[in-house]
Amino acid sequence: MSLVIRGIQLNSYEFFSHFCPLGAPLALAPFLVLVELVRFTVRPLTLAVRLAANMTAGHIVLSLLGISCSALCVSFSSYSILVLGVGLLYYLFEVGVGIIQAYIFILLIRMYFDEHPSKG
């Protein structure tokens, strides 16, 4: 939000000019402004929902693996080592997914930052 406010403060004309593309027919301008405004407001929300869903799904699967591992480890069966190994591998996979999600998040923030005016 601070990026948007700062963009409006520095150069409001350039900031608002993104909502109506250059060369667009005048009759379509109100519709294009509405579409671009919806895109502008929805994009950060969809990023947040996607990141939250990915993190939640990973934690749910890790919890289910932990519950099944603790239930099997009590009986000391040969499957407990297998479940523990699968849980450890899945945990390492989730760490990798977290690193990729962080990279995507930073990349998208950089793209959003590049779209906003930064000169007065």
PDB file of N, CA and C in Angstrom:
ATOM      1  N   MET A   1       0.817  -1.185   0.000  1.00  0.00           N
ATOM      2  CA  MET A   1       0.000   0.000   0.000  1.00  0.00           C
ATOM      3  C   MET A   1       0.863   1.252   0.000  1.00  0.00           C
ATOM      4  N   SER A   2       1.992   1.185   0.718  1.00  0.00           N
ATOM      5  CA  SER A   2       2.875   2.352   0.755  1.00  0.00           C
ATOM      6  C   SER A   2       3.450   2.644  -0.623  1.00  0.00           C
ATOM      7  N   LEU A   3       3.655   1.610  -1.411  1.00  0.00           N
ATOM      8  CA  LEU A   3       4.150   1.792  -2.778  1.00  0.00           C
ATOM      9  C   LEU A   3       3.138   2.567  -3.626  1.00  0.00           C
ATOM     10  N   VAL A   4       1.878   2.254  -3.465  1.00  0.00           N
ATOM     11  CA  VAL A   4       0.818   2.940  -4.216  1.00  0.00           C
ATOM     12  C   VAL A   4       0.710   4.397  -3.775  1.00  0.00           C
ATOM     13  N   ILE A   5       0.704   4.615  -2.471  1.00  0.00           N
ATOM     14  CA  ILE A   5       0.590   5.985  -1.961  1.00  0.00           C
ATOM     15  C   ILE A   5       1.777   6.833  -2.410  1.00  0.00           C
ATOM     16  N   ARG A   6       2.964   6.268  -2.347  1.00  0.00           N
ATOM     17  CA  ARG A   6       4.162   6.997  -2.770  1.00  0.00           C
ATOM     18  C   ARG A   6       4.122   7.281  -4.273  1.00  0.00           C
ATOM     19  N   GLY A   7       3.620   6.361  -5.065  1.00  0.00           N
ATOM     20  CA  GLY A   7       3.492   6.586  -6.500  1.00  0.00           C
ATOM     21  C   GLY A   7       2.537   7.715  -6.817  1.00  0.00           C
ATOM     22  N   ILE A   8       1.446   7.806  -6.068  1.00  0.00           N
ATOM     23  CA  ILE A   8       0.486   8.892  -6.271  1.00  0.00           C
ATOM     24  C   ILE A   8       1.103  10.223  -5.845  1.00  0.00           C
ATOM     25  N   GLN A   9       1.861  10.214  -4.748  1.00  0.00           N
ATOM     26  CA  GLN A   9       2.492  11.445  -4.269  1.00  0.00           C
ATOM     27  C   GLN A   9       3.542  11.964  -5.259  1.00  0.00           C
ATOM     28  N   LEU A  10       4.343  11.079  -5.793  1.00  0.00           N
ATOM     29  CA  LEU A  10       5.453  11.509  -6.643  1.00  0.00           C
ATOM     30  C   LEU A  10       4.995  11.980  -8.015  1.00  0.00           C
ATOM     31  N   ASN A  11       4.105  11.238  -8.630  1.00  0.00           N
ATOM     32  CA  ASN A  11       3.670  11.598  -9.974  1.00  0.00           C
ATOM     33  C   ASN A  11       2.286  11.003 -10.207  1.00  0.00           C
ATOM     34  N   SER A  12       1.279  11.720  -9.786  1.00  0.00           N
ATOM     35  CA  SER A  12      -0.076  11.190  -9.871  1.00  0.00           C
ATOM     36  C   SER A  12      -0.555  11.035 -11.313  1.00  0.00           C
ATOM     37  N   TYR A  13      -0.131  11.926 -12.200  1.00  0.00           N
ATOM     38  CA  TYR A  13      -0.562  11.814 -13.595  1.00  0.00           C
ATOM     39  C   TYR A  13      -0.059  10.506 -14.213  1.00  0.00           C
ATOM     40  N   GLU A  14       1.213  10.193 -14.018  1.00  0.00           N
ATOM     41  CA  GLU A  14       1.767   8.944 -14.576  1.00  0.00           C
ATOM     42  C   GLU A  14       1.135   7.728 -13.913  1.00  0.00           C
ATOM     43  N   PHE A  15       0.867   7.819 -12.612  1.00  0.00           N
ATOM     44  CA  PHE A  15       0.253   6.704 -11.903  1.00  0.00           C
ATOM     45  C   PHE A  15      -1.130   6.393 -12.460  1.00  0.00           C
ATOM     46  N   PHE A  16      -1.952   7.423 -12.621  1.00  0.00           N
ATOM     47  CA  PHE A  16      -3.321   7.199 -13.094  1.00  0.00           C
ATOM     48  C   PHE A  16      -3.388   6.954 -14.599  1.00  0.00           C
ATOM     49  N   SER A  17      -2.332   7.307 -15.332  1.00  0.00           N
ATOM     50  CA  SER A  17      -2.332   7.060 -16.773  1.00  0.00           C
ATOM     51  C   SER A  17      -2.243   5.569 -17.095  1.00  0.00           C
ATOM     52  N   HIS A  18      -1.825   4.739 -16.132  1.00  0.00           N
ATOM     53  CA  HIS A  18      -1.783   3.291 -16.349  1.00  0.00           C
ATOM     54  C   HIS A  18      -3.171   2.679 -16.452  1.00  0.00           C
ATOM     55  N   PHE A  19      -4.162   3.394 -15.965  1.00  0.00           N
ATOM     56  CA  PHE A  19      -5.521   2.850 -15.976  1.00  0.00           C
ATOM     57  C   PHE A  19      -6.211   2.990 -17.326  1.00  0.00           C
ATOM     58  N   CYS A  20      -5.719   3.818 -18.205  1.00  0.00           N
ATOM     59  CA  CYS A  20      -6.277   3.962 -19.550  1.00  0.00           C
ATOM     60  C   CYS A  20      -5.119   3.897 -20.547  1.00  0.00           C
ATOM     61  N   PRO A  21      -4.983   2.788 -21.278  1.00  0.00           N
ATOM     62  CA  PRO A  21      -3.859   2.626 -22.196  1.00  0.00           C
ATOM     63  C   PRO A  21      -3.839   3.695 -23.287  1.00  0.00           C
ATOM     64  N   LEU A  22      -2.658   4.034 -23.733  1.00  0.00           N
ATOM     65  CA  LEU A  22      -2.467   5.024 -24.781  1.00  0.00           C
ATOM     66  C   LEU A  22      -3.052   4.507 -26.094  1.00  0.00           C
ATOM     67  N   GLY A  23      -3.804   5.331 -26.787  1.00  0.00           N
ATOM     68  CA  GLY A  23      -4.379   4.945 -28.064  1.00  0.00           C
ATOM     69  C   GLY A  23      -5.697   4.213 -27.956  1.00  0.00           C
ATOM     70  N   ALA A  24      -6.223   4.078 -26.750  1.00  0.00           N
ATOM     71  CA  ALA A  24      -7.508   3.398 -26.580  1.00  0.00           C
ATOM     72  C   ALA A  24      -8.631   4.314 -27.071  1.00  0.00           C
ATOM     73  N   PRO A  25      -9.655   3.741 -27.709  1.00  0.00           N
ATOM     74  CA  PRO A  25     -10.792   4.561 -28.158  1.00  0.00           C
ATOM     75  C   PRO A  25     -11.464   5.258 -26.972  1.00  0.00           C
ATOM     76  N   LEU A  26     -11.871   6.481 -27.189  1.00  0.00           N
ATOM     77  CA  LEU A  26     -12.467   7.285 -26.125  1.00  0.00           C
ATOM     78  C   LEU A  26     -13.757   6.656 -25.600  1.00  0.00           C
ATOM     79  N   ALA A  27     -14.491   5.987 -26.462  1.00  0.00           N
ATOM     80  CA  ALA A  27     -15.745   5.362 -26.031  1.00  0.00           C
ATOM     81  C   ALA A  27     -15.495   4.203 -25.064  1.00  0.00           C
ATOM     82  N   LEU A  28     -14.344   3.535 -25.191  1.00  0.00           N
ATOM     83  CA  LEU A  28     -14.027   2.411 -24.317  1.00  0.00           C
ATOM     84  C   LEU A  28     -13.275   2.819 -23.058  1.00  0.00           C
ATOM     85  N   ALA A  29     -12.885   4.082 -22.943  1.00  0.00           N
ATOM     86  CA  ALA A  29     -12.069   4.538 -21.820  1.00  0.00           C
ATOM     87  C   ALA A  29     -12.695   4.246 -20.454  1.00  0.00           C
ATOM     88  N   PRO A  30     -13.977   4.534 -20.223  1.00  0.00           N
ATOM     89  CA  PRO A  30     -14.534   4.225 -18.889  1.00  0.00           C
ATOM     90  C   PRO A  30     -14.487   2.735 -18.568  1.00  0.00           C
ATOM     91  N   PHE A  31     -14.780   1.894 -19.554  1.00  0.00           N
ATOM     92  CA  PHE A  31     -14.743   0.450 -19.338  1.00  0.00           C
ATOM     93  C   PHE A  31     -13.308  -0.016 -19.064  1.00  0.00           C
ATOM     94  N   LEU A  32     -12.338   0.492 -19.819  1.00  0.00           N
ATOM     95  CA  LEU A  32     -10.944   0.112 -19.627  1.00  0.00           C
ATOM     96  C   LEU A  32     -10.419   0.555 -18.264  1.00  0.00           C
ATOM     97  N   VAL A  33     -10.814   1.745 -17.846  1.00  0.00           N
ATOM     98  CA  VAL A  33     -10.395   2.225 -16.528  1.00  0.00           C
ATOM     99  C   VAL A  33     -10.953   1.322 -15.436  1.00  0.00           C
ATOM    100  N   LEU A  34     -12.216   0.921 -15.577  1.00  0.00           N
ATOM    101  CA  LEU A  34     -12.828   0.023 -14.601  1.00  0.00           C
ATOM    102  C   LEU A  34     -12.111  -1.326 -14.560  1.00  0.00           C
ATOM    103  N   VAL A  35     -11.826  -1.891 -15.725  1.00  0.00           N
ATOM    104  CA  VAL A  35     -11.138  -3.184 -15.794  1.00  0.00           C
ATOM    105  C   VAL A  35      -9.740  -3.082 -15.189  1.00  0.00           C
ATOM    106  N   GLU A  36      -9.002  -2.037 -15.525  1.00  0.00           N
ATOM    107  CA  GLU A  36      -7.648  -1.867 -14.999  1.00  0.00           C
ATOM    108  C   GLU A  36      -7.664  -1.615 -13.489  1.00  0.00           C
ATOM    109  N   LEU A  37      -8.659  -0.904 -13.004  1.00  0.00           N
ATOM    110  CA  LEU A  37      -8.771  -0.664 -11.572  1.00  0.00           C
ATOM    111  C   LEU A  37      -9.039  -1.967 -10.824  1.00  0.00           C
ATOM    112  N   VAL A  38      -9.908  -2.804 -11.372  1.00  0.00           N
ATOM    113  CA  VAL A  38     -10.170  -4.111 -10.758  1.00  0.00           C
ATOM    114  C   VAL A  38      -8.904  -4.963 -10.784  1.00  0.00           C
ATOM    115  N   ARG A  39      -8.200  -4.970 -11.900  1.00  0.00           N
ATOM    116  CA  ARG A  39      -6.957  -5.731 -11.994  1.00  0.00           C
ATOM    117  C   ARG A  39      -5.932  -5.244 -10.979  1.00  0.00           C
ATOM    118  N   PHE A  40      -5.846  -3.934 -10.824  1.00  0.00           N
ATOM    119  CA  PHE A  40      -4.874  -3.341  -9.914  1.00  0.00           C
ATOM    120  C   PHE A  40      -5.160  -3.716  -8.462  1.00  0.00           C
ATOM    121  N   THR A  41      -6.434  -3.761  -8.090  1.00  0.00           N
ATOM    122  CA  THR A  41      -6.778  -4.065  -6.703  1.00  0.00           C
ATOM    123  C   THR A  41      -6.813  -5.560  -6.409  1.00  0.00           C
ATOM    124  N   VAL A  42      -7.139  -6.369  -7.398  1.00  0.00           N
ATOM    125  CA  VAL A  42      -7.280  -7.803  -7.172  1.00  0.00           C
ATOM    126  C   VAL A  42      -5.926  -8.527  -7.181  1.00  0.00           C
ATOM    127  N   ARG A  43      -4.987  -8.028  -7.935  1.00  0.00           N
ATOM    128  CA  ARG A  43      -3.700  -8.710  -8.090  1.00  0.00           C
ATOM    129  C   ARG A  43      -2.981  -8.952  -6.759  1.00  0.00           C
ATOM    130  N   PRO A  44      -2.820  -7.972  -5.873  1.00  0.00           N
ATOM    131  CA  PRO A  44      -2.176  -8.272  -4.592  1.00  0.00           C
ATOM    132  C   PRO A  44      -2.986  -9.221  -3.717  1.00  0.00           C
ATOM    133  N   LEU A  45      -4.305  -9.152  -3.813  1.00  0.00           N
ATOM    134  CA  LEU A  45      -5.140 -10.057  -3.026  1.00  0.00           C
ATOM    135  C   LEU A  45      -4.964 -11.505  -3.487  1.00  0.00           C
ATOM    136  N   THR A  46      -4.907 -11.715  -4.795  1.00  0.00           N
ATOM    137  CA  THR A  46      -4.729 -13.078  -5.290  1.00  0.00           C
ATOM    138  C   THR A  46      -3.346 -13.617  -4.921  1.00  0.00           C
ATOM    139  N   LEU A  47      -2.345 -12.757  -4.911  1.00  0.00           N
ATOM    140  CA  LEU A  47      -1.012 -13.185  -4.478  1.00  0.00           C
ATOM    141  C   LEU A  47      -1.052 -13.628  -3.024  1.00  0.00           C
ATOM    142  N   ALA A  48      -1.706 -12.861  -2.174  1.00  0.00           N
ATOM    143  CA  ALA A  48      -1.787 -13.207  -0.755  1.00  0.00           C
ATOM    144  C   ALA A  48      -2.547 -14.515  -0.539  1.00  0.00           C
ATOM    145  N   VAL A  49      -3.656 -14.689  -1.247  1.00  0.00           N
ATOM    146  CA  VAL A  49      -4.448 -15.922  -1.101  1.00  0.00           C
ATOM    147  C   VAL A  49      -3.647 -17.126  -1.586  1.00  0.00           C
ATOM    148  N   ARG A  50      -2.935 -16.981  -2.698  1.00  0.00           N
ATOM    149  CA  ARG A  50      -2.148 -18.091  -3.227  1.00  0.00           C
ATOM    150  C   ARG A  50      -1.039 -18.493  -2.269  1.00  0.00           C
ATOM    151  N   LEU A  51      -0.336 -17.512  -1.710  1.00  0.00           N
ATOM    152  CA  LEU A  51       0.727 -17.822  -0.762  1.00  0.00           C
ATOM    153  C   LEU A  51       0.173 -18.463   0.503  1.00  0.00           C
ATOM    154  N   ALA A  52      -0.936 -17.948   1.009  1.00  0.00           N
ATOM    155  CA  ALA A  52      -1.544 -18.512   2.216  1.00  0.00           C
ATOM    156  C   ALA A  52      -2.022 -19.942   1.974  1.00  0.00           C
ATOM    157  N   ALA A  53      -2.621 -20.198   0.825  1.00  0.00           N
ATOM    158  CA  ALA A  53      -3.102 -21.553   0.518  1.00  0.00           C
ATOM    159  C   ALA A  53      -1.944 -22.534   0.396  1.00  0.00           C
ATOM    160  N   ASN A  54      -0.858 -22.124  -0.235  1.00  0.00           N
ATOM    161  CA  ASN A  54       0.295 -23.015  -0.365  1.00  0.00           C
ATOM    162  C   ASN A  54       0.913 -23.332   0.993  1.00  0.00           C
ATOM    163  N   MET A  55       1.030 -22.332   1.855  1.00  0.00           N
ATOM    164  CA  MET A  55       1.600 -22.572   3.182  1.00  0.00           C
ATOM    165  C   MET A  55       0.688 -23.449   4.027  1.00  0.00           C
ATOM    166  N   THR A  56      -0.606 -23.198   3.961  1.00  0.00           N
ATOM    167  CA  THR A  56      -1.554 -23.980   4.748  1.00  0.00           C
ATOM    168  C   THR A  56      -1.597 -25.422   4.288  1.00  0.00           C
ATOM    169  N   ALA A  57      -1.592 -25.642   2.995  1.00  0.00           N
ATOM    170  CA  ALA A  57      -1.626 -27.022   2.475  1.00  0.00           C
ATOM    171  C   ALA A  57      -0.393 -27.792   2.928  1.00  0.00           C
ATOM    172  N   GLY A  58       0.755 -27.164   2.884  1.00  0.00           N
ATOM    173  CA  GLY A  58       1.980 -27.834   3.325  1.00  0.00           C
ATOM    174  C   GLY A  58       1.938 -28.186   4.801  1.00  0.00           C
ATOM    175  N   HIS A  59       1.426 -27.284   5.627  1.00  0.00           N
ATOM    176  CA  HIS A  59       1.346 -27.556   7.059  1.00  0.00           C
ATOM    177  C   HIS A  59       0.338 -28.655   7.369  1.00  0.00           C
ATOM    178  N   ILE A  60      -0.742 -28.695   6.626  1.00  0.00           N
ATOM    179  CA  ILE A  60      -1.737 -29.746   6.849  1.00  0.00           C
ATOM    180  C   ILE A  60      -1.154 -31.115   6.527  1.00  0.00           C
ATOM    181  N   VAL A  61      -0.460 -31.215   5.408  1.00  0.00           N
ATOM    182  CA  VAL A  61       0.135 -32.507   5.042  1.00  0.00           C
ATOM    183  C   VAL A  61       1.203 -32.911   6.044  1.00  0.00           C
ATOM    184  N   LEU A  62       2.039 -31.962   6.483  1.00  0.00           N
ATOM    185  CA  LEU A  62       3.046 -32.283   7.494  1.00  0.00           C
ATOM    186  C   LEU A  62       2.397 -32.729   8.804  1.00  0.00           C
ATOM    187  N   SER A  63       1.300 -32.101   9.179  1.00  0.00           N
ATOM    188  CA  SER A  63       0.587 -32.510  10.399  1.00  0.00           C
ATOM    189  C   SER A  63       0.041 -33.925  10.268  1.00  0.00           C
ATOM    190  N   LEU A  64      -0.553 -34.235   9.126  1.00  0.00           N
ATOM    191  CA  LEU A  64      -1.094 -35.579   8.925  1.00  0.00           C
ATOM    192  C   LEU A  64       0.015 -36.625   8.932  1.00  0.00           C
ATOM    193  N   LEU A  65       1.155 -36.307   8.326  1.00  0.00           N
ATOM    194  CA  LEU A  65       2.282 -37.241   8.363  1.00  0.00           C
ATOM    195  C   LEU A  65       2.818 -37.403   9.781  1.00  0.00           C
ATOM    196  N   GLY A  66       2.841 -36.325  10.538  1.00  0.00           N
ATOM    197  CA  GLY A  66       3.302 -36.396  11.920  1.00  0.00           C
ATOM    198  C   GLY A  66       2.389 -37.232  12.789  1.00  0.00           C
ATOM    199  N   ILE A  67       1.084 -37.100  12.585  1.00  0.00           N
ATOM    200  CA  ILE A  67       0.125 -37.895  13.362  1.00  0.00           C
ATOM    201  C   ILE A  67       0.261 -39.368  13.015  1.00  0.00           C
ATOM    202  N   SER A  68       0.367 -39.678  11.719  1.00  0.00           N
ATOM    203  CA  SER A  68       0.486 -41.093  11.331  1.00  0.00           C
ATOM    204  C   SER A  68       1.820 -41.660  11.781  1.00  0.00           C
ATOM    205  N   CYS A  69       2.872 -40.850  11.775  1.00  0.00           N
ATOM    206  CA  CYS A  69       4.175 -41.332  12.214  1.00  0.00           C
ATOM    207  C   CYS A  69       4.167 -41.606  13.710  1.00  0.00           C
ATOM    208  N   SER A  70       3.559 -40.719  14.491  1.00  0.00           N
ATOM    209  CA  SER A  70       3.530 -40.938  15.938  1.00  0.00           C
ATOM    210  C   SER A  70       2.675 -42.152  16.286  1.00  0.00           C
ATOM    211  N   ALA A  71       1.608 -42.387  15.532  1.00  0.00           N
ATOM    212  CA  ALA A  71       0.775 -43.559  15.792  1.00  0.00           C
ATOM    213  C   ALA A  71       1.504 -44.841  15.447  1.00  0.00           C
ATOM    214  N   LEU A  72       2.295 -44.830  14.378  1.00  0.00           N
ATOM    215  CA  LEU A  72       3.022 -46.033  13.987  1.00  0.00           C
ATOM    216  C   LEU A  72       4.280 -46.243  14.827  1.00  0.00           C
ATOM    217  N   CYS A  73       4.883 -45.166  15.274  1.00  0.00           N
ATOM    218  CA  CYS A  73       6.105 -45.300  16.065  1.00  0.00           C
ATOM    219  C   CYS A  73       5.826 -45.906  17.429  1.00  0.00           C
ATOM    220  N   VAL A  74       4.602 -45.766  17.925  1.00  0.00           N
ATOM    221  CA  VAL A  74       4.243 -46.354  19.210  1.00  0.00           C
ATOM    222  C   VAL A  74       4.309 -47.863  19.115  1.00  0.00           C
ATOM    223  N   SER A  75       3.924 -48.407  17.983  1.00  0.00           N
ATOM    224  CA  SER A  75       3.919 -49.858  17.831  1.00  0.00           C
ATOM    225  C   SER A  75       5.272 -50.404  17.385  1.00  0.00           C
ATOM    226  N   PHE A  76       6.223 -49.522  17.057  1.00  0.00           N
ATOM    227  CA  PHE A  76       7.564 -49.903  16.603  1.00  0.00           C
ATOM    228  C   PHE A  76       7.532 -50.895  15.450  1.00  0.00           C
ATOM    229  N   SER A  77       6.643 -50.687  14.534  1.00  0.00           N
ATOM    230  CA  SER A  77       6.564 -51.571  13.380  1.00  0.00           C
ATOM    231  C   SER A  77       7.603 -51.149  12.351  1.00  0.00           C
ATOM    232  N   SER A  78       7.779 -51.994  11.365  1.00  0.00           N
ATOM    233  CA  SER A  78       8.749 -51.682  10.313  1.00  0.00           C
ATOM    234  C   SER A  78       8.268 -50.523   9.442  1.00  0.00           C
ATOM    235  N   TYR A  79       6.969 -50.259   9.472  1.00  0.00           N
ATOM    236  CA  TYR A  79       6.437 -49.149   8.690  1.00  0.00           C
ATOM    237  C   TYR A  79       6.751 -47.788   9.312  1.00  0.00           C
ATOM    238  N   SER A  80       7.048 -47.769  10.601  1.00  0.00           N
ATOM    239  CA  SER A  80       7.304 -46.491  11.265  1.00  0.00           C
ATOM    240  C   SER A  80       8.546 -45.811  10.685  1.00  0.00           C
ATOM    241  N   ILE A  81       9.556 -46.583  10.338  1.00  0.00           N
ATOM    242  CA  ILE A  81      10.769 -46.011   9.733  1.00  0.00           C
ATOM    243  C   ILE A  81      10.443 -45.472   8.346  1.00  0.00           C
ATOM    244  N   LEU A  82       9.617 -46.176   7.612  1.00  0.00           N
ATOM    245  CA  LEU A  82       9.205 -45.723   6.289  1.00  0.00           C
ATOM    246  C   LEU A  82       8.420 -44.419   6.377  1.00  0.00           C
ATOM    247  N   VAL A  83       7.464 -44.355   7.283  1.00  0.00           N
ATOM    248  CA  VAL A  83       6.655 -43.147   7.434  1.00  0.00           C
ATOM    249  C   VAL A  83       7.519 -41.988   7.919  1.00  0.00           C
ATOM    250  N   LEU A  84       8.435 -42.266   8.835  1.00  0.00           N
ATOM    251  CA  LEU A  84       9.342 -41.227   9.312  1.00  0.00           C
ATOM    252  C   LEU A  84      10.227 -40.713   8.175  1.00  0.00           C
ATOM    253  N   GLY A  85      10.711 -41.616   7.329  1.00  0.00           N
ATOM    254  CA  GLY A  85      11.521 -41.202   6.170  1.00  0.00           C
ATOM    255  C   GLY A  85      10.719 -40.383   5.178  1.00  0.00           C
ATOM    256  N   VAL A  86       9.489 -40.799   4.922  1.00  0.00           N
ATOM    257  CA  VAL A  86       8.630 -40.044   4.009  1.00  0.00           C
ATOM    258  C   VAL A  86       8.337 -38.658   4.593  1.00  0.00           C
ATOM    259  N   GLY A  87       8.082 -38.604   5.879  1.00  0.00           N
ATOM    260  CA  GLY A  87       7.834 -37.319   6.538  1.00  0.00           C
ATOM    261  C   GLY A  87       9.032 -36.396   6.456  1.00  0.00           C
ATOM    262  N   LEU A  88      10.217 -36.936   6.649  1.00  0.00           N
ATOM    263  CA  LEU A  88      11.434 -36.123   6.549  1.00  0.00           C
ATOM    264  C   LEU A  88      11.650 -35.625   5.124  1.00  0.00           C
ATOM    265  N   LEU A  89      11.440 -36.499   4.145  1.00  0.00           N
ATOM    266  CA  LEU A  89      11.577 -36.075   2.754  1.00  0.00           C
ATOM    267  C   LEU A  89      10.538 -35.014   2.389  1.00  0.00           C
ATOM    268  N   TYR A  90       9.320 -35.186   2.881  1.00  0.00           N
ATOM    269  CA  TYR A  90       8.289 -34.195   2.590  1.00  0.00           C
ATOM    270  C   TYR A  90       8.607 -32.869   3.269  1.00  0.00           C
ATOM    271  N   TYR A  91       9.187 -32.923   4.467  1.00  0.00           N
ATOM    272  CA  TYR A  91       9.586 -31.695   5.148  1.00  0.00           C
ATOM    273  C   TYR A  91      10.653 -30.965   4.330  1.00  0.00           C
ATOM    274  N   LEU A  92      11.624 -31.679   3.818  1.00  0.00           N
ATOM    275  CA  LEU A  92      12.647 -31.053   2.973  1.00  0.00           C
ATOM    276  C   LEU A  92      12.033 -30.488   1.693  1.00  0.00           C
ATOM    277  N   PHE A  93      11.059 -31.196   1.149  1.00  0.00           N
ATOM    278  CA  PHE A  93      10.343 -30.698  -0.023  1.00  0.00           C
ATOM    279  C   PHE A  93       9.628 -29.393   0.303  1.00  0.00           C
ATOM    280  N   GLU A  94       8.991 -29.317   1.466  1.00  0.00           N
ATOM    281  CA  GLU A  94       8.291 -28.098   1.881  1.00  0.00           C
ATOM    282  C   GLU A  94       9.259 -26.932   2.080  1.00  0.00           C
ATOM    283  N   VAL A  95      10.453 -27.202   2.563  1.00  0.00           N
ATOM    284  CA  VAL A  95      11.462 -26.145   2.685  1.00  0.00           C
ATOM    285  C   VAL A  95      11.806 -25.610   1.296  1.00  0.00           C
ATOM    286  N   GLY A  96      11.969 -26.510   0.335  1.00  0.00           N
ATOM    287  CA  GLY A  96      12.234 -26.086  -1.043  1.00  0.00           C
ATOM    288  C   GLY A  96      11.086 -25.282  -1.623  1.00  0.00           C
ATOM    289  N   VAL A  97       9.865 -25.708  -1.368  1.00  0.00           N
ATOM    290  CA  VAL A  97       8.694 -24.973  -1.848  1.00  0.00           C
ATOM    291  C   VAL A  97       8.653 -23.589  -1.206  1.00  0.00           C
ATOM    292  N   GLY A  98       9.002 -23.507   0.073  1.00  0.00           N
ATOM    293  CA  GLY A  98       9.035 -22.212   0.752  1.00  0.00           C
ATOM    294  C   GLY A  98      10.056 -21.272   0.137  1.00  0.00           C
ATOM    295  N   ILE A  99      11.202 -21.801  -0.248  1.00  0.00           N
ATOM    296  CA  ILE A  99      12.228 -20.980  -0.891  1.00  0.00           C
ATOM    297  C   ILE A  99      11.730 -20.488  -2.249  1.00  0.00           C
ATOM    298  N   ILE A 100      11.091 -21.362  -3.002  1.00  0.00           N
ATOM    299  CA  ILE A 100      10.554 -20.966  -4.311  1.00  0.00           C
ATOM    300  C   ILE A 100       9.448 -19.930  -4.138  1.00  0.00           C
ATOM    301  N   GLN A 101       8.581 -20.108  -3.144  1.00  0.00           N
ATOM    302  CA  GLN A 101       7.512 -19.136  -2.891  1.00  0.00           C
ATOM    303  C   GLN A 101       8.093 -17.775  -2.516  1.00  0.00           C
ATOM    304  N   ALA A 102       9.137 -17.767  -1.721  1.00  0.00           N
ATOM    305  CA  ALA A 102       9.778 -16.499  -1.358  1.00  0.00           C
ATOM    306  C   ALA A 102      10.358 -15.824  -2.599  1.00  0.00           C
ATOM    307  N   TYR A 103      10.971 -16.614  -3.471  1.00  0.00           N
ATOM    308  CA  TYR A 103      11.528 -16.062  -4.706  1.00  0.00           C
ATOM    309  C   TYR A 103      10.425 -15.452  -5.578  1.00  0.00           C
ATOM    310  N   ILE A 104       9.313 -16.163  -5.728  1.00  0.00           N
ATOM    311  CA  ILE A 104       8.192 -15.668  -6.536  1.00  0.00           C
ATOM    312  C   ILE A 104       7.615 -14.406  -5.911  1.00  0.00           C
ATOM    313  N   PHE A 105       7.483 -14.388  -4.585  1.00  0.00           N
ATOM    314  CA  PHE A 105       6.945 -13.224  -3.899  1.00  0.00           C
ATOM    315  C   PHE A 105       7.824 -11.996  -4.141  1.00  0.00           C
ATOM    316  N   ILE A 106       9.136 -12.147  -4.002  1.00  0.00           N
ATOM    317  CA  ILE A 106      10.063 -11.039  -4.229  1.00  0.00           C
ATOM    318  C   ILE A 106      10.038 -10.608  -5.691  1.00  0.00           C
ATOM    319  N   LEU A 107       9.959 -11.563  -6.606  1.00  0.00           N
ATOM    320  CA  LEU A 107       9.904 -11.234  -8.029  1.00  0.00           C
ATOM    321  C   LEU A 107       8.650 -10.428  -8.365  1.00  0.00           C
ATOM    322  N   LEU A 108       7.509 -10.827  -7.829  1.00  0.00           N
ATOM    323  CA  LEU A 108       6.266 -10.108  -8.100  1.00  0.00           C
ATOM    324  C   LEU A 108       6.272  -8.718  -7.461  1.00  0.00           C
ATOM    325  N   ILE A 109       6.820  -8.609  -6.257  1.00  0.00           N
ATOM    326  CA  ILE A 109       6.917  -7.287  -5.641  1.00  0.00           C
ATOM    327  C   ILE A 109       7.809  -6.389  -6.480  1.00  0.00           C
ATOM    328  N   ARG A 110       8.881  -6.931  -7.007  1.00  0.00           N
ATOM    329  CA  ARG A 110       9.774  -6.144  -7.866  1.00  0.00           C
ATOM    330  C   ARG A 110       9.031  -5.692  -9.135  1.00  0.00           C
ATOM    331  N   MET A 111       8.220  -6.581  -9.708  1.00  0.00           N
ATOM    332  CA  MET A 111       7.451  -6.206 -10.892  1.00  0.00           C
ATOM    333  C   MET A 111       6.441  -5.111 -10.563  1.00  0.00           C
ATOM    334  N   TYR A 112       5.765  -5.220  -9.405  1.00  0.00           N
ATOM    335  CA  TYR A 112       4.830  -4.184  -8.991  1.00  0.00           C
ATOM    336  C   TYR A 112       5.565  -2.865  -8.789  1.00  0.00           C
ATOM    337  N   PHE A 113       6.745  -2.928  -8.199  1.00  0.00           N
ATOM    338  CA  PHE A 113       7.539  -1.732  -7.936  1.00  0.00           C
ATOM    339  C   PHE A 113       7.955  -1.058  -9.244  1.00  0.00           C
ATOM    340  N   ASP A 114       8.310  -1.853 -10.247  1.00  0.00           N
ATOM    341  CA  ASP A 114       8.730  -1.292 -11.532  1.00  0.00           C
ATOM    342  C   ASP A 114       7.589  -0.607 -12.278  1.00  0.00           C
ATOM    343  N   GLU A 115       6.343  -1.001 -12.016  1.00  0.00           N
ATOM    344  CA  GLU A 115       5.195  -0.396 -12.680  1.00  0.00           C
ATOM    345  C   GLU A 115       4.862   0.984 -12.138  1.00  0.00           C
ATOM    346  N   HIS A 116       5.252   1.282 -10.927  1.00  0.00           N
ATOM    347  CA  HIS A 116       4.880   2.538 -10.292  1.00  0.00           C
ATOM    348  C   HIS A 116       5.912   3.617 -10.561  1.00  0.00           C
ATOM    349  N   PRO A 117       5.437   4.838 -10.736  1.00  0.00           N
ATOM    350  CA  PRO A 117       6.362   5.951 -10.985  1.00  0.00           C
ATOM    351  C   PRO A 117       7.231   6.217  -9.759  1.00  0.00           C
ATOM    352  N   SER A 118       8.486   6.539 -10.008  1.00  0.00           N
ATOM    353  CA  SER A 118       9.384   6.774  -8.881  1.00  0.00           C
ATOM    354  C   SER A 118      10.060   8.136  -8.965  1.00  0.00           C
ATOM    355  N   LYS A 119       9.742   8.915  -9.972  1.00  0.00           N
ATOM    356  CA  LYS A 119      10.357  10.227 -10.121  1.00  0.00           C
ATOM    357  C   LYS A 119       9.307  11.309  -9.933  1.00  0.00           C
ATOM    358  N   GLY A 120       9.731  12.418  -9.337  1.00  0.00           N
ATOM    359  CA  GLY A 120       8.814  13.523  -9.090  1.00  0.00           C
ATOM    360  C   GLY A 120       8.621  14.429 -10.261  1.00  0.00           C
TER     361      GLY A 120
END
